[in-house]
Structures are given as C-alpha cells and as structure tokens.
Protein backbone atom coordinates (compact mmCIF):
# COMPACT_ATOMS: atom_id res chain seq x y z
CA MET A 1 17.83 47.95 -18.40
CA LYS A 2 14.18 48.39 -20.53
CA THR A 3 15.51 44.87 -22.04
CA GLU A 4 15.44 43.41 -18.97
CA PHE A 5 12.64 44.67 -17.67
CA LEU A 6 10.34 43.42 -20.75
CA ILE A 7 11.52 39.72 -20.11
CA THR A 8 10.84 40.23 -16.21
CA LEU A 9 7.07 41.67 -17.33
CA ILE A 10 6.81 38.79 -20.50
CA GLY A 11 8.06 36.28 -17.89
CA ILE A 12 5.56 37.38 -15.31
CA ALA A 13 2.36 37.96 -17.08
CA SER A 14 2.50 34.54 -19.64
CA PRO A 15 1.79 31.91 -17.39
CA LEU A 16 -1.13 33.95 -16.01
CA LEU A 17 -2.68 34.77 -19.21
CA PHE A 18 -2.28 30.88 -19.75
CA PHE A 19 -4.24 30.44 -16.82
CA VAL A 20 -7.18 32.74 -17.69
CA ASP A 21 -7.11 31.32 -21.32
CA CYS A 22 -7.76 27.38 -20.27
CA THR A 23 -11.42 28.02 -19.30
CA GLY A 24 -13.14 28.59 -22.40
CA THR A 25 -16.55 29.92 -23.20
CA ARG A 26 -19.02 27.71 -21.95
CA PRO A 27 -21.49 25.99 -24.87
CA ASN A 28 -24.50 27.36 -25.72
CA ASP A 29 -25.72 23.92 -27.85
CA LEU A 30 -25.89 21.42 -24.44
CA GLY A 31 -29.00 19.72 -23.03
CA ILE A 32 -31.44 17.31 -24.47
CA ARG A 33 -32.60 17.78 -28.14
CA SER A 34 -34.69 14.98 -29.55
CA GLY A 35 -34.29 12.80 -26.28
CA LYS A 36 -30.26 12.58 -26.82
CA LEU A 37 -26.87 14.68 -26.42
CA LEU A 38 -25.16 16.55 -28.59
CA GLU A 39 -22.69 13.83 -30.51
CA CYS A 40 -18.97 14.19 -29.29
CA PRO A 41 -16.75 16.08 -31.97
CA SER A 42 -14.18 14.18 -33.96
CA THR A 43 -11.31 15.12 -31.48
CA PRO A 44 -10.25 12.25 -28.43
CA ASN A 45 -11.27 14.22 -25.77
CA CYS A 46 -14.91 13.01 -25.36
CA VAL A 47 -17.00 10.59 -24.55
CA SER A 48 -21.07 9.77 -25.03
CA SER A 49 -23.18 6.82 -24.63
CA TYR A 50 -25.16 8.31 -27.72
CA THR A 51 -21.95 7.37 -29.91
CA ASP A 52 -22.37 4.65 -32.32
CA PRO A 53 -20.94 1.55 -30.05
CA SER A 54 -18.00 0.90 -33.34
CA ASP A 55 -16.36 3.99 -32.32
CA LYS A 56 -14.22 2.80 -29.29
CA GLU A 57 -12.28 6.23 -28.78
CA HIS A 58 -16.00 7.86 -27.50
CA PHE A 59 -18.30 5.51 -26.93
CA ARG A 60 -18.98 4.12 -23.48
CA ALA A 61 -22.49 2.57 -23.12
CA PRO A 62 -24.89 3.92 -20.82
CA ALA A 63 -25.42 3.17 -17.01
CA PRO A 64 -28.82 1.40 -16.30
CA TYR A 65 -30.48 2.28 -13.77
CA THR A 66 -34.21 1.31 -11.40
CA LYS A 67 -34.61 3.33 -8.68
CA PRO A 68 -37.67 5.95 -9.46
CA THR A 69 -35.63 8.98 -11.45
CA SER A 70 -35.79 11.44 -8.95
CA GLU A 71 -34.42 9.34 -6.45
CA ALA A 72 -31.25 8.46 -9.33
CA VAL A 73 -30.68 11.66 -10.13
CA ALA A 74 -30.46 13.13 -6.07
CA ILE A 75 -27.90 10.07 -5.86
CA LEU A 76 -25.50 10.96 -9.27
CA LYS A 77 -25.97 14.72 -8.11
CA GLN A 78 -24.22 13.58 -4.16
CA ARG A 79 -21.04 11.90 -5.86
CA ILE A 80 -20.82 15.23 -8.36
CA LEU A 81 -20.97 17.19 -5.22
CA GLU A 82 -18.67 15.32 -3.33
CA THR A 83 -16.02 15.60 -6.30
CA PRO A 84 -13.78 19.05 -6.20
CA ARG A 85 -13.86 21.86 -8.70
CA THR A 86 -17.26 20.78 -9.69
CA LYS A 87 -20.15 23.29 -10.54
CA ILE A 88 -23.50 22.31 -11.23
CA ILE A 89 -24.87 24.67 -13.94
CA LYS A 90 -28.52 23.16 -14.82
CA GLU A 91 -30.54 20.64 -12.92
CA GLU A 92 -33.87 19.73 -14.10
CA ASN A 93 -35.75 16.82 -13.35
CA ASN A 94 -33.71 14.12 -15.43
CA TYR A 95 -30.82 16.59 -16.55
CA LEU A 96 -27.68 17.64 -15.03
CA TYR A 97 -25.02 19.83 -16.66
CA VAL A 98 -21.93 20.10 -14.86
CA GLU A 99 -18.43 21.87 -15.14
CA PHE A 100 -15.67 19.70 -14.41
CA THR A 101 -12.48 22.63 -13.31
CA SER A 102 -9.23 20.62 -13.67
CA PHE A 103 -6.58 21.42 -10.65
CA LEU A 104 -3.81 22.59 -11.99
CA MET A 105 -4.31 24.29 -15.46
CA ARG A 106 -8.16 25.10 -14.89
CA TYR A 107 -9.21 23.46 -18.22
CA VAL A 108 -12.91 23.56 -17.49
CA ASP A 109 -15.19 19.76 -19.55
CA ASP A 110 -18.82 19.95 -19.99
CA VAL A 111 -20.23 17.00 -18.30
CA GLU A 112 -24.18 15.82 -19.10
CA PHE A 113 -26.03 13.44 -17.69
CA TYR A 114 -29.74 12.51 -19.00
CA PHE A 115 -31.86 9.98 -17.15
CA ASP A 116 -34.27 8.25 -20.22
CA GLU A 117 -36.99 7.22 -18.30
CA LYS A 118 -38.05 5.47 -20.78
CA THR A 119 -35.66 2.20 -21.47
CA LYS A 120 -34.52 3.10 -17.65
CA GLN A 121 -30.57 4.19 -18.40
CA LEU A 122 -28.22 6.73 -17.57
CA HIS A 123 -26.59 9.09 -20.73
CA PHE A 124 -23.78 11.06 -20.58
CA ARG A 125 -21.55 13.55 -22.25
CA SER A 126 -18.38 14.45 -20.84
CA ALA A 127 -16.36 16.95 -23.66
CA SER A 128 -13.36 19.12 -22.87
CA ARG A 129 -14.15 22.40 -24.02
CA LEU A 130 -10.69 23.49 -25.28
CA GLY A 131 -7.66 21.22 -26.81
CA LYS A 132 -7.74 18.26 -28.92
CA SER A 133 -6.16 15.62 -26.01
CA ASP A 134 -7.48 14.89 -22.53
CA PHE A 135 -5.48 11.72 -22.02
CA GLY A 136 -8.44 10.26 -21.07
CA VAL A 137 -9.54 12.15 -18.70
CA ASN A 138 -13.42 12.28 -19.38
CA ARG A 139 -13.40 9.12 -20.08
CA LYS A 140 -11.96 8.27 -16.60
CA ARG A 141 -14.12 10.62 -14.33
CA ILE A 142 -17.47 8.95 -16.07
CA GLU A 143 -15.62 5.26 -15.09
CA THR A 144 -15.45 6.91 -11.72
CA LEU A 145 -18.59 8.33 -11.11
CA LEU A 146 -20.48 5.49 -12.46
CA LYS A 147 -17.97 2.82 -10.30
CA ASP A 148 -20.44 1.33 -7.87
CA LEU A 149 -23.03 3.19 -8.41
CA THR A 150 -26.52 1.20 -7.53
CA ILE A 151 -28.91 3.73 -9.33
C-alpha cells in the first residue's frame, strides 16, 4: 500500500516539478555594454547580430531601419506585444528586453533589441535560458519578428 502511494505521488509530482524548473533565473548581465549586446554562448540555442558573420550557427545580420528611432521601437514593440506569452522586462529609448515563454514546457528565452542610432541598424540577441539545443526556435522567432518589418 505504501509503495503504491509513493509511486502515485511521484507520478503526479514529477511532471509538476519539471514544469516549474524550466523557467530558469533571469540573467543580470544583459543590456548594452560598450555599444553592443552580450555575445552568444557556445551552445546552439542563441542567435545574435553581433556574432562573427562566419559563425553561421549564431549569426543573423542586423535589420536596417529608416524611421526615427522612437517610431521604429514603437513598431517593433507592437509586433512583440501581438506575440503570445511575451513580457517586456525593460524598455529604454533604443533598447527592449523581452521574455518569451514557450507554450508547453514553459521555457523562457531572453531576447534583446538594440536600435543603433549611429548606423541605423536594429541589433538583437535571442537566447534560451536553459538547455543546449532549442531546435532553431530563437532564430525562427527573430526571422518572424523581422519579416516584412518596415521600420
């Protein structure tokens, strides 16, 4: 009887603990440092416009913009807010930090956008908080957000 109860308890509690554990801890080292965003880690679950272009796994070119920065930020922000399970954590004049949470497993990805006013380029970094592989989710997210974006 005790064994059956323990098995049932473990069967119920294990998935709940798994879901709670997937969010990870919010990084405290994000933001603009010396005019750039943080580098991607060596794991394949990150994409950034600041990575060396020869690094095909992590690099994606920045997006040019022509509108005034405040207008370009507002346009991108609207697109982000239309995306399910997003939360804007920090917003400055030319910087957005957003958390994207996956539907099923509740994994959190940290995504930053930096509007470089000198070069008129929208830079970004999208990285998973946990794990090694993301099956291309971060790259797909950036491609979706930037597709047909006229800023």
